[in-house]
Amino acid sequence: MDTTDKVIKAVPLDDDRIEILTSSGISGIFDVKPYLGGSAFQELHDESYFRTVRPAHGGIAWPHEQDFCADTIIWDMQREFGWIKEIWFRPGVQIWHMGL
């Protein structure tokens, strides 16, 4: 049984943000702006290119191979709300850790 959370919906929004929905029902806004300083993400400054984002390989991706994994997206979305939820999966066991 695959317990890995996957991005199933990615809707580009204004101001370098993406509306996200995961397979486990986590939803929120992922802010890409903090990552745009890196050379690998320079193309994302182009709004028309930014809007080509799609769910891919469990996370999100753009046509020229820029991508984010679901773990990074979920971590960042939850950090935005002032709390962190870490999830560790072991066969048949789900351990939750929550903190401020």
PDB file of N, CA and C in Angstrom:
ATOM      1  N   MET A   1       0.836  -1.177   0.000  1.00  0.00           N
ATOM      2  CA  MET A   1       0.000   0.000   0.000  1.00  0.00           C
ATOM      3  C   MET A   1       0.885   1.246   0.000  1.00  0.00           C
ATOM      4  N   ASP A   2       0.631   2.159  -0.935  1.00  0.00           N
ATOM      5  CA  ASP A   2       1.403   3.397  -1.035  1.00  0.00           C
ATOM      6  C   ASP A   2       0.777   4.455  -0.140  1.00  0.00           C
ATOM      7  N   THR A   3       1.517   4.903   0.869  1.00  0.00           N
ATOM      8  CA  THR A   3       1.000   5.909   1.805  1.00  0.00           C
ATOM      9  C   THR A   3       1.591   7.293   1.549  1.00  0.00           C
ATOM     10  N   THR A   4       2.291   7.454   0.448  1.00  0.00           N
ATOM     11  CA  THR A   4       2.906   8.729   0.124  1.00  0.00           C
ATOM     12  C   THR A   4       1.852   9.715  -0.356  1.00  0.00           C
ATOM     13  N   ASP A   5       1.844  10.898   0.228  1.00  0.00           N
ATOM     14  CA  ASP A   5       0.921  11.942  -0.201  1.00  0.00           C
ATOM     15  C   ASP A   5       1.386  12.491  -1.543  1.00  0.00           C
ATOM     16  N   LYS A   6       0.445  12.713  -2.447  1.00  0.00           N
ATOM     17  CA  LYS A   6       0.761  13.220  -3.780  1.00  0.00           C
ATOM     18  C   LYS A   6      -0.074  14.461  -4.073  1.00  0.00           C
ATOM     19  N   VAL A   7       0.505  15.383  -4.821  1.00  0.00           N
ATOM     20  CA  VAL A   7      -0.254  16.541  -5.280  1.00  0.00           C
ATOM     21  C   VAL A   7      -1.158  16.078  -6.413  1.00  0.00           C
ATOM     22  N   ILE A   8      -2.460  16.346  -6.276  1.00  0.00           N
ATOM     23  CA  ILE A   8      -3.405  15.949  -7.327  1.00  0.00           C
ATOM     24  C   ILE A   8      -4.013  17.161  -8.036  1.00  0.00           C
ATOM     25  N   LYS A   9      -3.797  18.352  -7.481  1.00  0.00           N
ATOM     26  CA  LYS A   9      -4.307  19.573  -8.107  1.00  0.00           C
ATOM     27  C   LYS A   9      -3.320  20.695  -7.843  1.00  0.00           C
ATOM     28  N   ALA A  10      -2.977  21.431  -8.889  1.00  0.00           N
ATOM     29  CA  ALA A  10      -2.081  22.583  -8.776  1.00  0.00           C
ATOM     30  C   ALA A  10      -2.625  23.688  -9.675  1.00  0.00           C
ATOM     31  N   VAL A  11      -3.134  24.742  -9.065  1.00  0.00           N
ATOM     32  CA  VAL A  11      -3.721  25.855  -9.812  1.00  0.00           C
ATOM     33  C   VAL A  11      -2.864  27.097  -9.591  1.00  0.00           C
ATOM     34  N   PRO A  12      -2.238  27.608 -10.657  1.00  0.00           N
ATOM     35  CA  PRO A  12      -1.406  28.801 -10.485  1.00  0.00           C
ATOM     36  C   PRO A  12      -2.254  30.018 -10.122  1.00  0.00           C
ATOM     37  N   LEU A  13      -1.740  30.806  -9.194  1.00  0.00           N
ATOM     38  CA  LEU A  13      -2.388  32.035  -8.746  1.00  0.00           C
ATOM     39  C   LEU A  13      -1.447  33.206  -8.995  1.00  0.00           C
ATOM     40  N   ASP A  14      -1.909  34.402  -8.703  1.00  0.00           N
ATOM     41  CA  ASP A  14      -1.049  35.580  -8.811  1.00  0.00           C
ATOM     42  C   ASP A  14       0.020  35.557  -7.723  1.00  0.00           C
ATOM     43  N   ASP A  15       1.031  36.395  -7.908  1.00  0.00           N
ATOM     44  CA  ASP A  15       2.068  36.630  -6.903  1.00  0.00           C
ATOM     45  C   ASP A  15       2.869  35.370  -6.563  1.00  0.00           C
ATOM     46  N   ASP A  16       3.182  34.555  -7.571  1.00  0.00           N
ATOM     47  CA  ASP A  16       4.054  33.378  -7.422  1.00  0.00           C
ATOM     48  C   ASP A  16       3.516  32.351  -6.429  1.00  0.00           C
ATOM     49  N   ARG A  17       2.213  32.181  -6.408  1.00  0.00           N
ATOM     50  CA  ARG A  17       1.591  31.221  -5.500  1.00  0.00           C
ATOM     51  C   ARG A  17       0.820  30.179  -6.300  1.00  0.00           C
ATOM     52  N   ILE A  18       0.636  29.010  -5.687  1.00  0.00           N
ATOM     53  CA  ILE A  18      -0.074  27.906  -6.329  1.00  0.00           C
ATOM     54  C   ILE A  18      -1.045  27.299  -5.330  1.00  0.00           C
ATOM     55  N   GLU A  19      -2.292  27.139  -5.752  1.00  0.00           N
ATOM     56  CA  GLU A  19      -3.282  26.450  -4.925  1.00  0.00           C
ATOM     57  C   GLU A  19      -3.046  24.952  -5.074  1.00  0.00           C
ATOM     58  N   ILE A  20      -2.919  24.263  -3.955  1.00  0.00           N
ATOM     59  CA  ILE A  20      -2.543  22.848  -3.934  1.00  0.00           C
ATOM     60  C   ILE A  20      -3.622  22.012  -3.255  1.00  0.00           C
ATOM     61  N   LEU A  21      -3.852  20.816  -3.784  1.00  0.00           N
ATOM     62  CA  LEU A  21      -4.663  19.795  -3.123  1.00  0.00           C
ATOM     63  C   LEU A  21      -3.891  18.489  -3.217  1.00  0.00           C
ATOM     64  N   THR A  22      -3.777  17.774  -2.086  1.00  0.00           N
ATOM     65  CA  THR A  22      -3.056  16.501  -2.083  1.00  0.00           C
ATOM     66  C   THR A  22      -4.025  15.332  -1.990  1.00  0.00           C
ATOM     67  N   SER A  23      -3.498  14.153  -2.236  1.00  0.00           N
ATOM     68  CA  SER A  23      -4.311  12.934  -2.220  1.00  0.00           C
ATOM     69  C   SER A  23      -4.887  12.623  -0.848  1.00  0.00           C
ATOM     70  N   SER A  24      -4.301  13.165   0.215  1.00  0.00           N
ATOM     71  CA  SER A  24      -4.833  12.937   1.564  1.00  0.00           C
ATOM     72  C   SER A  24      -5.820  14.024   1.987  1.00  0.00           C
ATOM     73  N   GLY A  25      -6.057  14.998   1.100  1.00  0.00           N
ATOM     74  CA  GLY A  25      -7.009  16.053   1.405  1.00  0.00           C
ATOM     75  C   GLY A  25      -6.403  17.330   1.952  1.00  0.00           C
ATOM     76  N   ILE A  26      -5.077  17.386   2.096  1.00  0.00           N
ATOM     77  CA  ILE A  26      -4.428  18.622   2.527  1.00  0.00           C
ATOM     78  C   ILE A  26      -4.551  19.630   1.396  1.00  0.00           C
ATOM     79  N   SER A  27      -4.993  20.830   1.724  1.00  0.00           N
ATOM     80  CA  SER A  27      -5.090  21.874   0.711  1.00  0.00           C
ATOM     81  C   SER A  27      -4.530  23.165   1.279  1.00  0.00           C
ATOM     82  N   GLY A  28      -4.063  24.006   0.397  1.00  0.00           N
ATOM     83  CA  GLY A  28      -3.512  25.275   0.836  1.00  0.00           C
ATOM     84  C   GLY A  28      -2.850  25.999  -0.310  1.00  0.00           C
ATOM     85  N   ILE A  29      -2.160  27.065   0.030  1.00  0.00           N
ATOM     86  CA  ILE A  29      -1.461  27.888  -0.946  1.00  0.00           C
ATOM     87  C   ILE A  29       0.043  27.707  -0.740  1.00  0.00           C
ATOM     88  N   PHE A  30       0.722  27.292  -1.803  1.00  0.00           N
ATOM     89  CA  PHE A  30       2.175  27.132  -1.784  1.00  0.00           C
ATOM     90  C   PHE A  30       2.787  28.382  -2.401  1.00  0.00           C
ATOM     91  N   ASP A  31       3.614  29.078  -1.633  1.00  0.00           N
ATOM     92  CA  ASP A  31       4.285  30.293  -2.086  1.00  0.00           C
ATOM     93  C   ASP A  31       5.657  29.921  -2.639  1.00  0.00           C
ATOM     94  N   VAL A  32       5.828  30.101  -3.934  1.00  0.00           N
ATOM     95  CA  VAL A  32       7.076  29.729  -4.603  1.00  0.00           C
ATOM     96  C   VAL A  32       8.133  30.831  -4.466  1.00  0.00           C
ATOM     97  N   LYS A  33       7.710  32.033  -4.156  1.00  0.00           N
ATOM     98  CA  LYS A  33       8.605  33.199  -4.141  1.00  0.00           C
ATOM     99  C   LYS A  33       9.918  32.978  -3.381  1.00  0.00           C
ATOM    100  N   PRO A  34       9.927  32.345  -2.195  1.00  0.00           N
ATOM    101  CA  PRO A  34      11.199  32.167  -1.485  1.00  0.00           C
ATOM    102  C   PRO A  34      12.238  31.345  -2.264  1.00  0.00           C
ATOM    103  N   TYR A  35      11.811  30.602  -3.263  1.00  0.00           N
ATOM    104  CA  TYR A  35      12.716  29.744  -4.019  1.00  0.00           C
ATOM    105  C   TYR A  35      13.199  30.385  -5.319  1.00  0.00           C
ATOM    106  N   LEU A  36      12.655  31.528  -5.684  1.00  0.00           N
ATOM    107  CA  LEU A  36      12.935  32.099  -7.000  1.00  0.00           C
ATOM    108  C   LEU A  36      14.322  32.712  -7.138  1.00  0.00           C
ATOM    109  N   GLY A  37      15.074  32.817  -6.062  1.00  0.00           N
ATOM    110  CA  GLY A  37      16.423  33.357  -6.144  1.00  0.00           C
ATOM    111  C   GLY A  37      17.420  32.388  -6.754  1.00  0.00           C
ATOM    112  N   GLY A  38      17.115  31.113  -6.718  1.00  0.00           N
ATOM    113  CA  GLY A  38      18.019  30.105  -7.267  1.00  0.00           C
ATOM    114  C   GLY A  38      18.016  30.104  -8.783  1.00  0.00           C
ATOM    115  N   SER A  39      19.156  29.828  -9.377  1.00  0.00           N
ATOM    116  CA  SER A  39      19.269  29.876 -10.836  1.00  0.00           C
ATOM    117  C   SER A  39      18.367  28.854 -11.531  1.00  0.00           C
ATOM    118  N   ALA A  40      18.098  27.734 -10.893  1.00  0.00           N
ATOM    119  CA  ALA A  40      17.254  26.705 -11.511  1.00  0.00           C
ATOM    120  C   ALA A  40      15.818  27.184 -11.709  1.00  0.00           C
ATOM    121  N   PHE A  41      15.404  28.185 -10.940  1.00  0.00           N
ATOM    122  CA  PHE A  41      14.011  28.631 -10.979  1.00  0.00           C
ATOM    123  C   PHE A  41      13.818  29.978 -11.676  1.00  0.00           C
ATOM    124  N   GLN A  42      14.834  30.485 -12.366  1.00  0.00           N
ATOM    125  CA  GLN A  42      14.737  31.803 -12.995  1.00  0.00           C
ATOM    126  C   GLN A  42      13.583  31.901 -13.990  1.00  0.00           C
ATOM    127  N   GLU A  43      13.309  30.835 -14.726  1.00  0.00           N
ATOM    128  CA  GLU A  43      12.212  30.870 -15.705  1.00  0.00           C
ATOM    129  C   GLU A  43      10.854  31.112 -15.054  1.00  0.00           C
ATOM    130  N   LEU A  44      10.725  30.782 -13.783  1.00  0.00           N
ATOM    131  CA  LEU A  44       9.436  30.934 -13.108  1.00  0.00           C
ATOM    132  C   LEU A  44       9.063  32.398 -12.889  1.00  0.00           C
ATOM    133  N   HIS A  45      10.012  33.314 -13.111  1.00  0.00           N
ATOM    134  CA  HIS A  45       9.697  34.744 -13.040  1.00  0.00           C
ATOM    135  C   HIS A  45       8.772  35.164 -14.185  1.00  0.00           C
ATOM    136  N   ASP A  46       8.788  34.415 -15.281  1.00  0.00           N
ATOM    137  CA  ASP A  46       7.907  34.679 -16.427  1.00  0.00           C
ATOM    138  C   ASP A  46       6.515  34.153 -16.084  1.00  0.00           C
ATOM    139  N   GLU A  47       5.543  35.062 -15.942  1.00  0.00           N
ATOM    140  CA  GLU A  47       4.210  34.664 -15.480  1.00  0.00           C
ATOM    141  C   GLU A  47       3.553  33.631 -16.388  1.00  0.00           C
ATOM    142  N   SER A  48       3.701  33.773 -17.699  1.00  0.00           N
ATOM    143  CA  SER A  48       3.064  32.798 -18.595  1.00  0.00           C
ATOM    144  C   SER A  48       3.696  31.415 -18.427  1.00  0.00           C
ATOM    145  N   TYR A  49       4.994  31.360 -18.213  1.00  0.00           N
ATOM    146  CA  TYR A  49       5.645  30.072 -17.964  1.00  0.00           C
ATOM    147  C   TYR A  49       5.245  29.525 -16.591  1.00  0.00           C
ATOM    148  N   PHE A  50       5.201  30.388 -15.582  1.00  0.00           N
ATOM    149  CA  PHE A  50       4.808  29.971 -14.235  1.00  0.00           C
ATOM    150  C   PHE A  50       3.449  29.275 -14.269  1.00  0.00           C
ATOM    151  N   ARG A  51       2.543  29.759 -15.094  1.00  0.00           N
ATOM    152  CA  ARG A  51       1.183  29.218 -15.165  1.00  0.00           C
ATOM    153  C   ARG A  51       1.105  27.858 -15.857  1.00  0.00           C
ATOM    154  N   THR A  52       2.215  27.339 -16.342  1.00  0.00           N
ATOM    155  CA  THR A  52       2.215  26.003 -16.958  1.00  0.00           C
ATOM    156  C   THR A  52       2.437  24.891 -15.937  1.00  0.00           C
ATOM    157  N   VAL A  53       2.479  25.225 -14.655  1.00  0.00           N
ATOM    158  CA  VAL A  53       2.696  24.232 -13.590  1.00  0.00           C
ATOM    159  C   VAL A  53       1.621  23.153 -13.652  1.00  0.00           C
ATOM    160  N   ARG A  54       2.004  21.931 -13.277  1.00  0.00           N
ATOM    161  CA  ARG A  54       1.064  20.811 -13.260  1.00  0.00           C
ATOM    162  C   ARG A  54       1.508  19.802 -12.210  1.00  0.00           C
ATOM    163  N   PRO A  55       0.575  18.989 -11.704  1.00  0.00           N
ATOM    164  CA  PRO A  55       0.982  17.882 -10.830  1.00  0.00           C
ATOM    165  C   PRO A  55       1.841  16.901 -11.631  1.00  0.00           C
ATOM    166  N   ALA A  56       2.916  16.430 -11.043  1.00  0.00           N
ATOM    167  CA  ALA A  56       3.798  15.479 -11.733  1.00  0.00           C
ATOM    168  C   ALA A  56       4.664  14.753 -10.714  1.00  0.00           C
ATOM    169  N   HIS A  57       4.816  13.466 -10.876  1.00  0.00           N
ATOM    170  CA  HIS A  57       5.703  12.651 -10.038  1.00  0.00           C
ATOM    171  C   HIS A  57       5.418  12.820  -8.543  1.00  0.00           C
ATOM    172  N   GLY A  58       4.173  13.048  -8.190  1.00  0.00           N
ATOM    173  CA  GLY A  58       3.795  13.212  -6.793  1.00  0.00           C
ATOM    174  C   GLY A  58       3.855  14.640  -6.290  1.00  0.00           C
ATOM    175  N   GLY A  59       4.582  15.501  -6.981  1.00  0.00           N
ATOM    176  CA  GLY A  59       4.700  16.909  -6.607  1.00  0.00           C
ATOM    177  C   GLY A  59       4.153  17.795  -7.708  1.00  0.00           C
ATOM    178  N   ILE A  60       4.865  18.884  -8.004  1.00  0.00           N
ATOM    179  CA  ILE A  60       4.494  19.760  -9.111  1.00  0.00           C
ATOM    180  C   ILE A  60       5.718  19.979  -9.985  1.00  0.00           C
ATOM    181  N   ALA A  61       5.471  20.292 -11.270  1.00  0.00           N
ATOM    182  CA  ALA A  61       6.583  20.487 -12.196  1.00  0.00           C
ATOM    183  C   ALA A  61       6.180  21.439 -13.314  1.00  0.00           C
ATOM    184  N   TRP A  62       7.207  21.981 -13.967  1.00  0.00           N
ATOM    185  CA  TRP A  62       7.051  22.825 -15.136  1.00  0.00           C
ATOM    186  C   TRP A  62       7.723  22.125 -16.311  1.00  0.00           C
ATOM    187  N   PRO A  63       7.454  22.565 -17.541  1.00  0.00           N
ATOM    188  CA  PRO A  63       7.963  21.864 -18.725  1.00  0.00           C
ATOM    189  C   PRO A  63       9.482  21.710 -18.808  1.00  0.00           C
ATOM    190  N   HIS A  64      10.248  22.647 -18.253  1.00  0.00           N
ATOM    191  CA  HIS A  64      11.709  22.565 -18.353  1.00  0.00           C
ATOM    192  C   HIS A  64      12.337  21.963 -17.103  1.00  0.00           C
ATOM    193  N   GLU A  65      11.587  21.107 -16.427  1.00  0.00           N
ATOM    194  CA  GLU A  65      12.058  20.250 -15.335  1.00  0.00           C
ATOM    195  C   GLU A  65      12.260  20.933 -13.988  1.00  0.00           C
ATOM    196  N   GLN A  66      11.795  22.154 -13.799  1.00  0.00           N
ATOM    197  CA  GLN A  66      11.780  22.711 -12.450  1.00  0.00           C
ATOM    198  C   GLN A  66      10.680  21.969 -11.699  1.00  0.00           C
ATOM    199  N   ASP A  67      10.949  21.598 -10.453  1.00  0.00           N
ATOM    200  CA  ASP A  67       9.924  20.853  -9.719  1.00  0.00           C
ATOM    201  C   ASP A  67      10.070  21.014  -8.210  1.00  0.00           C
ATOM    202  N   PHE A  68       8.996  20.651  -7.510  1.00  0.00           N
ATOM    203  CA  PHE A  68       8.966  20.600  -6.054  1.00  0.00           C
ATOM    204  C   PHE A  68       8.288  19.301  -5.660  1.00  0.00           C
ATOM    205  N   CYS A  69       8.837  18.633  -4.661  1.00  0.00           N
ATOM    206  CA  CYS A  69       8.216  17.399  -4.170  1.00  0.00           C
ATOM    207  C   CYS A  69       7.074  17.745  -3.217  1.00  0.00           C
ATOM    208  N   ALA A  70       6.177  16.794  -3.017  1.00  0.00           N
ATOM    209  CA  ALA A  70       5.024  16.999  -2.136  1.00  0.00           C
ATOM    210  C   ALA A  70       5.461  17.340  -0.714  1.00  0.00           C
ATOM    211  N   ASP A  71       6.527  16.722  -0.225  1.00  0.00           N
ATOM    212  CA  ASP A  71       6.990  16.988   1.146  1.00  0.00           C
ATOM    213  C   ASP A  71       7.335  18.464   1.349  1.00  0.00           C
ATOM    214  N   THR A  72       8.064  19.043   0.408  1.00  0.00           N
ATOM    215  CA  THR A  72       8.433  20.455   0.500  1.00  0.00           C
ATOM    216  C   THR A  72       7.194  21.337   0.465  1.00  0.00           C
ATOM    217  N   ILE A  73       6.277  21.026  -0.434  1.00  0.00           N
ATOM    218  CA  ILE A  73       5.056  21.817  -0.582  1.00  0.00           C
ATOM    219  C   ILE A  73       4.229  21.775   0.700  1.00  0.00           C
ATOM    220  N   ILE A  74       3.995  20.584   1.225  1.00  0.00           N
ATOM    221  CA  ILE A  74       3.183  20.430   2.435  1.00  0.00           C
ATOM    222  C   ILE A  74       3.855  21.118   3.621  1.00  0.00           C
ATOM    223  N   TRP A  75       5.149  20.911   3.774  1.00  0.00           N
ATOM    224  CA  TRP A  75       5.902  21.542   4.866  1.00  0.00           C
ATOM    225  C   TRP A  75       5.737  23.062   4.811  1.00  0.00           C
ATOM    226  N   ASP A  76       5.944  23.639   3.634  1.00  0.00           N
ATOM    227  CA  ASP A  76       5.852  25.094   3.493  1.00  0.00           C
ATOM    228  C   ASP A  76       4.434  25.605   3.726  1.00  0.00           C
ATOM    229  N   MET A  77       3.434  24.907   3.225  1.00  0.00           N
ATOM    230  CA  MET A  77       2.050  25.348   3.432  1.00  0.00           C
ATOM    231  C   MET A  77       1.705  25.349   4.912  1.00  0.00           C
ATOM    232  N   GLN A  78       2.124  24.334   5.624  1.00  0.00           N
ATOM    233  CA  GLN A  78       1.797  24.237   7.042  1.00  0.00           C
ATOM    234  C   GLN A  78       2.610  25.215   7.878  1.00  0.00           C
ATOM    235  N   ARG A  79       3.828  25.481   7.483  1.00  0.00           N
ATOM    236  CA  ARG A  79       4.659  26.465   8.185  1.00  0.00           C
ATOM    237  C   ARG A  79       4.044  27.862   8.080  1.00  0.00           C
ATOM    238  N   GLU A  80       3.395  28.155   6.963  1.00  0.00           N
ATOM    239  CA  GLU A  80       2.733  29.443   6.765  1.00  0.00           C
ATOM    240  C   GLU A  80       1.690  29.720   7.835  1.00  0.00           C
ATOM    241  N   PHE A  81       1.068  28.672   8.359  1.00  0.00           N
ATOM    242  CA  PHE A  81       0.017  28.838   9.353  1.00  0.00           C
ATOM    243  C   PHE A  81       0.552  28.768  10.776  1.00  0.00           C
ATOM    244  N   GLY A  82       1.888  28.759  10.968  1.00  0.00           N
ATOM    245  CA  GLY A  82       2.487  28.831  12.282  1.00  0.00           C
ATOM    246  C   GLY A  82       2.637  27.509  13.002  1.00  0.00           C
ATOM    247  N   TRP A  83       2.419  26.399  12.320  1.00  0.00           N
ATOM    248  CA  TRP A  83       2.617  25.092  12.944  1.00  0.00           C
ATOM    249  C   TRP A  83       3.182  24.142  11.908  1.00  0.00           C
ATOM    250  N   ILE A  84       3.839  23.141  12.401  1.00  0.00           N
ATOM    251  CA  ILE A  84       4.484  22.153  11.544  1.00  0.00           C
ATOM    252  C   ILE A  84       3.926  20.786  11.883  1.00  0.00           C
ATOM    253  N   LYS A  85       3.653  20.015  10.869  1.00  0.00           N
ATOM    254  CA  LYS A  85       3.239  18.632  11.081  1.00  0.00           C
ATOM    255  C   LYS A  85       4.209  17.757  10.294  1.00  0.00           C
ATOM    256  N   GLU A  86       4.910  16.910  10.985  1.00  0.00           N
ATOM    257  CA  GLU A  86       5.803  15.980  10.322  1.00  0.00           C
ATOM    258  C   GLU A  86       5.151  14.609  10.360  1.00  0.00           C
ATOM    259  N   ILE A  87       5.227  13.911   9.276  1.00  0.00           N
ATOM    260  CA  ILE A  87       4.607  12.593   9.197  1.00  0.00           C
ATOM    261  C   ILE A  87       5.684  11.589   8.797  1.00  0.00           C
ATOM    262  N   TRP A  88       5.860  10.569   9.612  1.00  0.00           N
ATOM    263  CA  TRP A  88       6.769   9.486   9.274  1.00  0.00           C
ATOM    264  C   TRP A  88       5.933   8.244   9.019  1.00  0.00           C
ATOM    265  N   PHE A  89       6.195   7.569   7.936  1.00  0.00           N
ATOM    266  CA  PHE A  89       5.453   6.356   7.620  1.00  0.00           C
ATOM    267  C   PHE A  89       6.344   5.141   7.821  1.00  0.00           C
ATOM    268  N   ARG A  90       5.814   4.175   8.500  1.00  0.00           N
ATOM    269  CA  ARG A  90       6.434   2.860   8.615  1.00  0.00           C
ATOM    270  C   ARG A  90       5.342   1.878   8.254  1.00  0.00           C
ATOM    271  N   PRO A  91       5.671   0.698   7.803  1.00  0.00           N
ATOM    272  CA  PRO A  91       4.626  -0.243   7.407  1.00  0.00           C
ATOM    273  C   PRO A  91       3.551  -0.377   8.487  1.00  0.00           C
ATOM    274  N   GLY A  92       2.355   0.045   8.154  1.00  0.00           N
ATOM    275  CA  GLY A  92       1.220  -0.090   9.055  1.00  0.00           C
ATOM    276  C   GLY A  92       1.155   0.908  10.191  1.00  0.00           C
ATOM    277  N   VAL A  93       2.128   1.828  10.287  1.00  0.00           N
ATOM    278  CA  VAL A  93       2.163   2.773  11.410  1.00  0.00           C
ATOM    279  C   VAL A  93       2.317   4.185  10.863  1.00  0.00           C
ATOM    280  N   GLN A  94       1.540   5.088  11.380  1.00  0.00           N
ATOM    281  CA  GLN A  94       1.667   6.491  11.015  1.00  0.00           C
ATOM    282  C   GLN A  94       1.929   7.273  12.292  1.00  0.00           C
ATOM    283  N   ILE A  95       3.051   7.980  12.360  1.00  0.00           N
ATOM    284  CA  ILE A  95       3.445   8.724  13.550  1.00  0.00           C
ATOM    285  C   ILE A  95       3.366  10.206  13.219  1.00  0.00           C
ATOM    286  N   TRP A  96       2.640  10.954  14.031  1.00  0.00           N
ATOM    287  CA  TRP A  96       2.487  12.385  13.811  1.00  0.00           C
ATOM    288  C   TRP A  96       3.276  13.148  14.863  1.00  0.00           C
ATOM    289  N   HIS A  97       3.967  14.172  14.446  1.00  0.00           N
ATOM    290  CA  HIS A  97       4.659  15.056  15.382  1.00  0.00           C
ATOM    291  C   HIS A  97       4.210  16.472  15.068  1.00  0.00           C
ATOM    292  N   MET A  98       3.702  17.165  16.063  1.00  0.00           N
ATOM    293  CA  MET A  98       3.257  18.538  15.835  1.00  0.00           C
ATOM    294  C   MET A  98       3.964  19.458  16.812  1.00  0.00           C
ATOM    295  N   GLY A  99       4.352  20.604  16.337  1.00  0.00           N
ATOM    296  CA  GLY A  99       5.015  21.556  17.206  1.00  0.00           C
ATOM    297  C   GLY A  99       4.904  22.957  16.663  1.00  0.00           C
ATOM    298  N   LEU A 100       5.285  23.910  17.477  1.00  0.00           N
ATOM    299  CA  LEU A 100       5.255  25.309  17.054  1.00  0.00           C
ATOM    300  C   LEU A 100       6.634  25.766  16.692  1.00  0.00           C
TER     301      LEU A 100
END
